C-alpha atoms as a PDB file:
ATOM      1  CA  MET A   1     172.246-100.042 230.025  1.00  0.00           C
ATOM      2  CA  SER A   2     175.628-101.051 228.675  1.00  0.00           C
ATOM      3  CA  LEU A   3     177.679 -98.663 226.565  1.00  0.00           C
ATOM      4  CA  PRO A   4     179.802 -99.660 223.561  1.00  0.00           C
ATOM      5  CA  PRO A   5     183.288-100.892 224.388  1.00  0.00           C
ATOM      6  CA  THR A   6     186.056 -98.356 224.088  1.00  0.00           C
ATOM      7  CA  GLY A   7     188.899 -98.504 221.595  1.00  0.00           C
ATOM      8  CA  HIS A   8     189.163-100.466 218.365  1.00  0.00           C
ATOM      9  CA  VAL A   9     186.327-102.895 217.660  1.00  0.00           C
ATOM     10  CA  GLU A  10     187.996-106.238 217.251  1.00  0.00           C
ATOM     11  CA  GLY A  11     186.859-108.168 214.191  1.00  0.00           C
ATOM     12  CA  ALA A  12     184.962-105.212 212.739  1.00  0.00           C
ATOM     13  CA  ALA A  13     185.539-105.949 209.051  1.00  0.00           C
ATOM     14  CA  ALA A  14     187.954-103.145 208.193  1.00  0.00           C
ATOM     15  CA  PRO A  15     188.552-104.482 204.650  1.00  0.00           C
ATOM     16  CA  ALA A  16     184.799-104.395 203.874  1.00  0.00           C
ATOM     17  CA  VAL A  17     184.353-100.752 204.812  1.00  0.00           C
ATOM     18  CA  PRO A  18     186.298 -98.196 202.761  1.00  0.00           C
ATOM     19  CA  GLY A  19     187.599 -95.419 204.971  1.00  0.00           C
ATOM     20  CA  TYR A  20     187.557 -97.510 208.137  1.00  0.00           C
ATOM     21  CA  ALA A  21     189.911 -95.922 210.667  1.00  0.00           C
ATOM     22  CA  ILE A  22     191.593 -98.255 213.126  1.00  0.00           C
ATOM     23  CA  GLY A  23     191.328 -96.996 216.682  1.00  0.00           C
ATOM     24  CA  VAL A  24     188.456 -94.618 215.957  1.00  0.00           C
ATOM     25  CA  GLU A  25     185.355 -95.411 217.998  1.00  0.00           C
ATOM     26  CA  PRO A  26     182.301 -95.811 215.721  1.00  0.00           C
ATOM     27  CA  ARG A  27     179.074 -93.995 216.470  1.00  0.00           C
ATOM     28  CA  CYS A  28     175.526 -95.271 216.017  1.00  0.00           C
ATOM     29  CA  TYR A  29     172.916 -93.340 214.066  1.00  0.00           C
ATOM     30  CA  ALA A  30     169.256 -94.186 213.475  1.00  0.00           C
ATOM     31  CA  LEU A  31     167.736 -93.503 210.064  1.00  0.00           C
ATOM     32  CA  VAL A  32     163.942 -93.509 209.766  1.00  0.00           C
ATOM     33  CA  PRO A  33     162.482 -93.502 206.212  1.00  0.00           C
ATOM     34  CA  CYS A  34     159.277 -91.507 206.607  1.00  0.00           C
ATOM     35  CA  ALA A  35     158.393 -90.533 203.039  1.00  0.00           C
ATOM     36  CA  GLY A  36     155.828 -93.218 202.192  1.00  0.00           C
ATOM     37  CA  SER A  37     152.140 -92.714 201.474  1.00  0.00           C
ATOM     38  CA  GLY A  38     150.925 -95.860 203.290  1.00  0.00           C
ATOM     39  CA  GLN A  39     148.274 -96.752 200.701  1.00  0.00           C
ATOM     40  CA  ARG A  40     147.681-100.264 202.054  1.00  0.00           C
ATOM     41  CA  ALA A  41     146.718 -98.855 205.462  1.00  0.00           C
ATOM     42  CA  GLY A  42     143.480 -97.421 204.081  1.00  0.00           C
ATOM     43  CA  PRO A  43     142.079 -93.879 204.187  1.00  0.00           C
ATOM     44  CA  GLY A  44     143.346 -91.306 206.658  1.00  0.00           C
ATOM     45  CA  GLY A  45     146.512 -89.995 205.061  1.00  0.00           C
ATOM     46  CA  PRO A  46     150.081 -91.265 205.428  1.00  0.00           C
ATOM     47  CA  LYS A  47     150.076 -93.915 208.141  1.00  0.00           C
ATOM     48  CA  GLN A  48     153.069 -92.413 209.974  1.00  0.00           C
ATOM     49  CA  TYR A  49     150.843 -89.457 210.936  1.00  0.00           C
ATOM     50  CA  ARG A  50     147.716 -91.423 211.904  1.00  0.00           C
ATOM     51  CA  HIS A  51     147.031 -91.241 215.630  1.00  0.00           C
ATOM     52  CA  VAL A  52     147.459 -94.350 217.768  1.00  0.00           C
ATOM     53  CA  ALA A  53     147.142 -94.210 221.562  1.00  0.00           C
ATOM     54  CA  GLY A  54     146.906 -90.430 221.445  1.00  0.00           C
ATOM     55  CA  GLN A  55     149.955 -89.703 219.286  1.00  0.00           C
ATOM     56  CA  PRO A  56     151.023 -89.980 215.650  1.00  0.00           C
ATOM     57  CA  VAL A  57     152.508 -93.377 214.817  1.00  0.00           C
ATOM     58  CA  VAL A  58     155.952 -91.908 214.119  1.00  0.00           C
ATOM     59  CA  ALA A  59     155.960 -90.104 217.487  1.00  0.00           C
ATOM     60  CA  HIS A  60     155.946 -93.450 219.306  1.00  0.00           C
ATOM     61  CA  THR A  61     158.748 -94.672 217.036  1.00  0.00           C
ATOM     62  CA  LEU A  62     160.937 -91.621 217.650  1.00  0.00           C
ATOM     63  CA  ALA A  63     160.318 -91.721 221.409  1.00  0.00           C
ATOM     64  CA  ALA A  64     161.718 -95.259 221.572  1.00  0.00           C
ATOM     65  CA  LEU A  65     164.793 -94.290 219.556  1.00  0.00           C
ATOM     66  CA  ALA A  66     165.337 -91.176 221.688  1.00  0.00           C
ATOM     67  CA  ALA A  67     165.463 -93.386 224.784  1.00  0.00           C
ATOM     68  CA  VAL A  68     168.605 -95.194 223.550  1.00  0.00           C
ATOM     69  CA  PRO A  69     171.666 -93.202 224.706  1.00  0.00           C
ATOM     70  CA  ARG A  70     173.994 -95.029 222.316  1.00  0.00           C
ATOM     71  CA  LEU A  71     172.292 -93.424 219.313  1.00  0.00           C
ATOM     72  CA  ALA A  72     174.218 -90.249 218.523  1.00  0.00           C
ATOM     73  CA  ALA A  73     171.277 -88.912 216.482  1.00  0.00           C
ATOM     74  CA  THR A  74     168.152 -90.000 214.613  1.00  0.00           C
ATOM     75  CA  LEU A  75     167.616 -88.761 211.061  1.00  0.00           C
ATOM     76  CA  VAL A  76     164.034 -88.747 209.768  1.00  0.00           C
ATOM     77  CA  VAL A  77     163.883 -88.799 205.959  1.00  0.00           C
ATOM     78  CA  LEU A  78     160.776 -86.988 204.767  1.00  0.00           C
ATOM     79  CA  SER A  79     159.212 -86.489 201.362  1.00  0.00           C
ATOM     80  CA  PRO A  80     160.294 -83.210 199.711  1.00  0.00           C
ATOM     81  CA  ASP A  81     156.681 -81.993 199.850  1.00  0.00           C
ATOM     82  CA  ASP A  82     155.942 -83.181 203.398  1.00  0.00           C
ATOM     83  CA  GLY A  83     153.969 -80.494 205.179  1.00  0.00           C
ATOM     84  CA  GLN A  84     152.807 -82.531 208.173  1.00  0.00           C
ATOM     85  CA  PHE A  85     155.828 -83.505 210.234  1.00  0.00           C
ATOM     86  CA  GLU A  86     156.313 -80.291 212.204  1.00  0.00           C
ATOM     87  CA  GLN A  87     152.561 -79.885 212.673  1.00  0.00           C
ATOM     88  CA  ALA A  88     152.095 -83.459 213.847  1.00  0.00           C
ATOM     89  CA  LEU A  89     155.160 -83.506 216.098  1.00  0.00           C
ATOM     90  CA  PRO A  90     155.730 -79.973 217.417  1.00  0.00           C
ATOM     91  CA  GLY A  91     158.776 -79.448 219.607  1.00  0.00           C
ATOM     92  CA  LEU A  92     160.512 -82.689 218.682  1.00  0.00           C
ATOM     93  CA  ASP A  93     163.555 -81.114 217.071  1.00  0.00           C
ATOM     94  CA  GLY A  94     166.841 -81.080 218.964  1.00  0.00           C
ATOM     95  CA  ASN A  95     170.483 -82.042 218.909  1.00  0.00           C
ATOM     96  CA  ARG A  96     169.687 -85.741 218.551  1.00  0.00           C
ATOM     97  CA  LEU A  97     166.743 -85.489 216.128  1.00  0.00           C
ATOM     98  CA  TRP A  98     167.394 -84.389 212.553  1.00  0.00           C
ATOM     99  CA  THR A  99     165.055 -84.133 209.579  1.00  0.00           C
ATOM    100  CA  ALA A 100     165.795 -84.004 205.857  1.00  0.00           C
ATOM    101  CA  ARG A 101     163.271 -83.592 203.045  1.00  0.00           C
ATOM    102  CA  CYS A 102     165.149 -85.799 200.617  1.00  0.00           C
ATOM    103  CA  GLY A 103     162.949 -88.910 200.465  1.00  0.00           C
ATOM    104  CA  GLY A 104     162.564 -90.750 197.188  1.00  0.00           C
ATOM    105  CA  ALA A 105     159.925 -92.819 195.420  1.00  0.00           C
ATOM    106  CA  THR A 106     161.134 -96.067 197.023  1.00  0.00           C
ATOM    107  CA  ARG A 107     162.399 -97.093 200.429  1.00  0.00           C
ATOM    108  CA  ALA A 108     165.867 -97.747 199.012  1.00  0.00           C
ATOM    109  CA  ALA A 109     165.993 -94.278 197.437  1.00  0.00           C
ATOM    110  CA  SER A 110     164.993 -92.670 200.728  1.00  0.00           C
ATOM    111  CA  VAL A 111     167.605 -94.622 202.671  1.00  0.00           C
ATOM    112  CA  CYS A 112     170.325 -93.764 200.130  1.00  0.00           C
ATOM    113  CA  ALA A 113     169.431 -90.081 200.355  1.00  0.00           C
ATOM    114  CA  GLY A 114     169.444 -90.345 204.136  1.00  0.00           C
ATOM    115  CA  LEU A 115     172.910 -91.894 204.144  1.00  0.00           C
ATOM    116  CA  ASP A 116     174.174 -88.995 202.031  1.00  0.00           C
ATOM    117  CA  GLU A 117     172.619 -86.596 204.531  1.00  0.00           C
ATOM    118  CA  LEU A 118     174.348 -88.361 207.431  1.00  0.00           C
ATOM    119  CA  ILE A 119     177.669 -88.018 205.622  1.00  0.00           C
ATOM    120  CA  ALA A 120     176.984 -84.319 205.102  1.00  0.00           C
ATOM    121  CA  ARG A 121     176.413 -84.042 208.849  1.00  0.00           C
ATOM    122  CA  GLY A 122     179.709 -85.716 209.696  1.00  0.00           C
ATOM    123  CA  ALA A 123     178.986 -89.458 209.795  1.00  0.00           C
ATOM    124  CA  GLN A 124     181.943 -91.649 208.804  1.00  0.00           C
ATOM    125  CA  PRO A 125     182.158 -94.922 206.844  1.00  0.00           C
ATOM    126  CA  HIS A 126     182.860 -96.980 209.969  1.00  0.00           C
ATOM    127  CA  ASP A 127     179.814 -95.600 211.840  1.00  0.00           C
ATOM    128  CA  TRP A 128     176.813 -97.848 212.349  1.00  0.00           C
ATOM    129  CA  VAL A 129     173.428 -96.933 210.882  1.00  0.00           C
ATOM    130  CA  LEU A 130     170.238 -98.498 212.275  1.00  0.00           C
ATOM    131  CA  VAL A 131     167.496 -98.195 209.644  1.00  0.00           C
ATOM    132  CA  HIS A 132     164.051 -98.456 211.213  1.00  0.00           C
ATOM    133  CA  ASP A 133     160.543 -98.324 209.739  1.00  0.00           C
ATOM    134  CA  ALA A 134     158.535 -95.298 210.879  1.00  0.00           C
ATOM    135  CA  ALA A 135     155.479 -97.571 211.067  1.00  0.00           C
ATOM    136  CA  ARG A 136     157.040-100.030 213.537  1.00  0.00           C
ATOM    137  CA  CYS A 137     155.866 -97.896 216.426  1.00  0.00           C
ATOM    138  CA  LEU A 138     155.986-100.667 219.048  1.00  0.00           C
ATOM    139  CA  ILE A 139     159.766-100.964 218.950  1.00  0.00           C
ATOM    140  CA  THR A 140     161.295-100.693 222.426  1.00  0.00           C
ATOM    141  CA  PRO A 141     164.647 -99.355 223.645  1.00  0.00           C
ATOM    142  CA  ALA A 142     165.410-102.837 224.976  1.00  0.00           C
ATOM    143  CA  LEU A 143     165.067-104.379 221.503  1.00  0.00           C
ATOM    144  CA  ILE A 144     167.262-101.675 219.977  1.00  0.00           C
ATOM    145  CA  ASP A 145     169.903-102.286 222.639  1.00  0.00           C
ATOM    146  CA  ARG A 146     169.706-106.035 221.964  1.00  0.00           C
ATOM    147  CA  LEU A 147     170.500-105.420 218.293  1.00  0.00           C
ATOM    148  CA  ILE A 148     173.392-103.063 219.062  1.00  0.00           C
ATOM    149  CA  ASP A 149     174.874-105.504 221.581  1.00  0.00           C
ATOM    150  CA  ALA A 150     174.660-108.385 219.089  1.00  0.00           C
ATOM    151  CA  CYS A 151     176.099-106.487 216.119  1.00  0.00           C
ATOM    152  CA  TRP A 152     178.706-104.246 217.726  1.00  0.00           C
ATOM    153  CA  LYS A 153     181.610-106.632 217.124  1.00  0.00           C
ATOM    154  CA  ASP A 154     180.123-108.429 214.145  1.00  0.00           C
ATOM    155  CA  GLU A 155     181.949-108.183 210.835  1.00  0.00           C
ATOM    156  CA  ILE A 156     178.790-107.516 208.806  1.00  0.00           C
ATOM    157  CA  GLY A 157     175.955-106.303 211.030  1.00  0.00           C
ATOM    158  CA  GLY A 158     172.453-107.663 211.280  1.00  0.00           C
ATOM    159  CA  LEU A 159     168.747-107.211 211.802  1.00  0.00           C
ATOM    160  CA  LEU A 160     165.932-107.994 214.164  1.00  0.00           C
ATOM    161  CA  ALA A 161     163.876-110.922 212.875  1.00  0.00           C
ATOM    162  CA  LEU A 162     161.609-113.737 214.068  1.00  0.00           C
ATOM    163  CA  PRO A 163     161.623-117.417 213.079  1.00  0.00           C
ATOM    164  CA  LEU A 164     158.376-118.309 211.315  1.00  0.00           C
ATOM    165  CA  ALA A 165     155.927-120.212 213.502  1.00  0.00           C
ATOM    166  CA  ASP A 166     152.996-120.575 211.083  1.00  0.00           C
ATOM    167  CA  THR A 167     152.656-122.975 208.190  1.00  0.00           C
ATOM    168  CA  LEU A 168     153.792-121.172 205.051  1.00  0.00           C
ATOM    169  CA  LYS A 169     151.726-121.311 201.842  1.00  0.00           C
ATOM    170  CA  ASP A 170     152.577-120.312 198.289  1.00  0.00           C
ATOM    171  CA  ALA A 171     149.577-118.788 196.492  1.00  0.00           C
ATOM    172  CA  THR A 172     148.241-118.806 192.957  1.00  0.00           C
ATOM    173  CA  PRO A 173     147.262-115.492 191.292  1.00  0.00           C
ATOM    174  CA  ASP A 174     143.586-116.188 192.032  1.00  0.00           C
ATOM    175  CA  GLY A 175     144.168-116.678 195.769  1.00  0.00           C
ATOM    176  CA  ARG A 176     144.380-120.462 196.085  1.00  0.00           C
ATOM    177  CA  VAL A 177     147.098-122.571 197.646  1.00  0.00           C
ATOM    178  CA  ALA A 178     149.771-123.515 195.137  1.00  0.00           C
ATOM    179  CA  ALA A 179     152.044-125.325 197.598  1.00  0.00           C
ATOM    180  CA  THR A 180     152.979-125.661 201.247  1.00  0.00           C
ATOM    181  CA  LEU A 181     156.513-124.436 201.815  1.00  0.00           C
ATOM    182  CA  ASP A 182     159.060-125.716 204.299  1.00  0.00           C
ATOM    183  CA  ARG A 183     159.203-123.132 207.097  1.00  0.00           C
ATOM    184  CA  SER A 184     162.323-124.531 208.765  1.00  0.00           C
ATOM    185  CA  GLY A 185     165.092-121.975 208.772  1.00  0.00           C
ATOM    186  CA  LYS A 186     162.718-119.211 207.608  1.00  0.00           C
ATOM    187  CA  TRP A 187     162.687-115.876 209.450  1.00  0.00           C
ATOM    188  CA  ALA A 188     160.483-112.805 209.081  1.00  0.00           C
ATOM    189  CA  ALA A 189     162.631-109.678 208.811  1.00  0.00           C
ATOM    190  CA  GLN A 190     161.969-106.724 211.113  1.00  0.00           C
ATOM    191  CA  THR A 191     163.770-103.467 211.799  1.00  0.00           C
ATOM    192  CA  PRO A 192     166.005-101.882 212.921  1.00  0.00           C
ATOM    193  CA  GLN A 193     168.607-103.255 210.546  1.00  0.00           C
ATOM    194  CA  MET A 194     172.141-102.291 211.559  1.00  0.00           C
ATOM    195  CA  PHE A 195     175.061-101.967 209.150  1.00  0.00           C
ATOM    196  CA  ARG A 196     178.105 -99.752 208.760  1.00  0.00           C
ATOM    197  CA  LEU A 197     177.496 -96.720 206.577  1.00  0.00           C
ATOM    198  CA  GLY A 198     180.488 -97.505 204.364  1.00  0.00           C
ATOM    199  CA  LEU A 199     179.124-100.980 203.602  1.00  0.00           C
ATOM    200  CA  LEU A 200     175.427-100.156 203.359  1.00  0.00           C
ATOM    201  CA  ARG A 201     175.807 -97.286 200.881  1.00  0.00           C
ATOM    202  CA  PRO A 202     177.534 -99.305 198.114  1.00  0.00           C
ATOM    203  CA  ALA A 203     175.309-102.302 198.871  1.00  0.00           C
ATOM    204  CA  LEU A 204     172.170-100.267 198.147  1.00  0.00           C
ATOM    205  CA  ALA A 205     173.724 -98.857 194.992  1.00  0.00           C
ATOM    206  CA  HIS A 206     174.533-102.395 193.844  1.00  0.00           C
ATOM    207  CA  ALA A 207     171.139-103.885 194.703  1.00  0.00           C
ATOM    208  CA  GLY A 208     169.049-101.157 193.046  1.00  0.00           C
ATOM    209  CA  GLU A 209     165.883 -99.375 194.109  1.00  0.00           C
ATOM    210  CA  GLY A 210     163.723-102.508 194.010  1.00  0.00           C
ATOM    211  CA  VAL A 211     165.288-103.909 197.177  1.00  0.00           C
ATOM    212  CA  THR A 212     162.824-103.925 200.085  1.00  0.00           C
ATOM    213  CA  ASP A 213     165.178-104.005 203.044  1.00  0.00           C
ATOM    214  CA  GLU A 214     168.797-103.196 203.840  1.00  0.00           C
ATOM    215  CA  ALA A 215     169.745-106.788 204.657  1.00  0.00           C
ATOM    216  CA  SER A 216     168.826-107.816 201.097  1.00  0.00           C
ATOM    217  CA  ALA A 217     171.192-105.184 199.754  1.00  0.00           C
ATOM    218  CA  ILE A 218     173.996-106.464 201.977  1.00  0.00           C
ATOM    219  CA  GLU A 219     173.232-110.009 200.797  1.00  0.00           C
ATOM    220  CA  SER A 220     173.575-108.863 197.178  1.00  0.00           C
ATOM    221  CA  LEU A 221     177.271-108.244 197.866  1.00  0.00           C
ATOM    222  CA  GLY A 222     177.696-111.797 199.124  1.00  0.00           C
ATOM    223  CA  HIS A 223     177.535-111.052 202.859  1.00  0.00           C
ATOM    224  CA  ALA A 224     175.403-112.895 205.436  1.00  0.00           C
ATOM    225  CA  PRO A 225     173.802-110.520 207.983  1.00  0.00           C
ATOM    226  CA  LEU A 226     173.315-111.664 211.555  1.00  0.00           C
ATOM    227  CA  LEU A 227     169.777-112.618 212.600  1.00  0.00           C
ATOM    228  CA  VAL A 228     168.938-111.176 216.026  1.00  0.00           C
ATOM    229  CA  ARG A 229     165.698-112.345 217.616  1.00  0.00           C
ATOM    230  CA  GLY A 230     163.084-109.592 217.645  1.00  0.00           C
ATOM    231  CA  ALA A 231     159.588-109.593 219.152  1.00  0.00           C
ATOM    232  CA  LEU A 232     156.073-110.372 217.957  1.00  0.00           C
ATOM    233  CA  ASP A 233     154.815-106.900 218.818  1.00  0.00           C
ATOM    234  CA  ASN A 234     157.519-105.209 216.714  1.00  0.00           C
ATOM    235  CA  PHE A 235     155.241-105.462 213.685  1.00  0.00           C
ATOM    236  CA  LYS A 236     154.871-102.931 210.898  1.00  0.00           C
ATOM    237  CA  LEU A 237     151.517-101.172 210.733  1.00  0.00           C
ATOM    238  CA  THR A 238     150.407-102.078 207.223  1.00  0.00           C
ATOM    239  CA  TRP A 239     146.717-103.007 207.153  1.00  0.00           C
ATOM    240  CA  PRO A 240     143.770-101.118 208.710  1.00  0.00           C
ATOM    241  CA  GLU A 241     143.330-103.695 211.485  1.00  0.00           C
ATOM    242  CA  ASP A 242     146.963-103.243 212.571  1.00  0.00           C
ATOM    243  CA  PHE A 243     146.134 -99.837 214.033  1.00  0.00           C
ATOM    244  CA  ALA A 244     143.565-101.214 216.478  1.00  0.00           C
ATOM    245  CA  LEU A 245     146.029-103.869 217.657  1.00  0.00           C
ATOM    246  CA  ALA A 246     148.783-101.286 218.123  1.00  0.00           C
ATOM    247  CA  GLU A 247     146.354 -99.093 220.082  1.00  0.00           C
ATOM    248  CA  ARG A 248     145.675-101.914 222.528  1.00  0.00           C
ATOM    249  CA  LEU A 249     149.334-102.871 222.927  1.00  0.00           C
ATOM    250  CA  LEU A 250     150.549 -99.306 223.440  1.00  0.00           C
ATOM    251  CA  GLN A 251     148.078 -98.883 226.286  1.00  0.00           C
ATOM    252  CA  VAL A 252     149.395-101.885 228.218  1.00  0.00           C
ATOM    253  CA  PRO A 253     150.901-100.530 231.469  1.00  0.00           C
ATOM    254  CA  GLY A 254     154.671-100.812 231.734  1.00  0.00           C
ATOM    255  CA  ARG A 255     155.368-101.838 228.144  1.00  0.00           C
END
């Protein structure tokens, strides 16, 4: 597994990141918003704590992140009234796993609060932050490394994503086809999404709490994030049937 290059990162967008220090090696942090209620996933409580392949969903997610040596730490952003994390994942605390009960009502609010927590713990504006959905429990260390390798010298940063393969339909309010859309050049966004802390924080503030992913916030400032090819099985557990599929995939030997 390759490690980040040493020394100054050439072409690393110093003007775009206030506080960027030339010659200071950036670190990588993971930030996992874990404050949602998962209502679309059906009954059974917050989906991040539902068991899949013998463990809570978020346990699989954190295990993959923990297997990436280039991540200095992973911060899990919990709801202020979360009373399940420590019970569901006993013994998972440590030097590289942090928790903070500062989650908000939206994903963007939780990520913003998490960025503030990283700063309080010593993260700097030039450090990279990889924001990853707690419910994308089939992420692999190899995919995370692919994203870091692709973005390390990029001026903006980027995200895992997949080009759309299916025909894309626009729908009417009553569930009928309104139009067939051109799928060429269309990608489905995944996570992690990797941006420098000093760029992501103002981007989220500018985009507002309605933004649904970090790349959209970066785009709102006029930047074009890098698309890094992800994987079909890096899907977000959203609907009840997703859990059965994840169960099968997680039990495949050697994955």
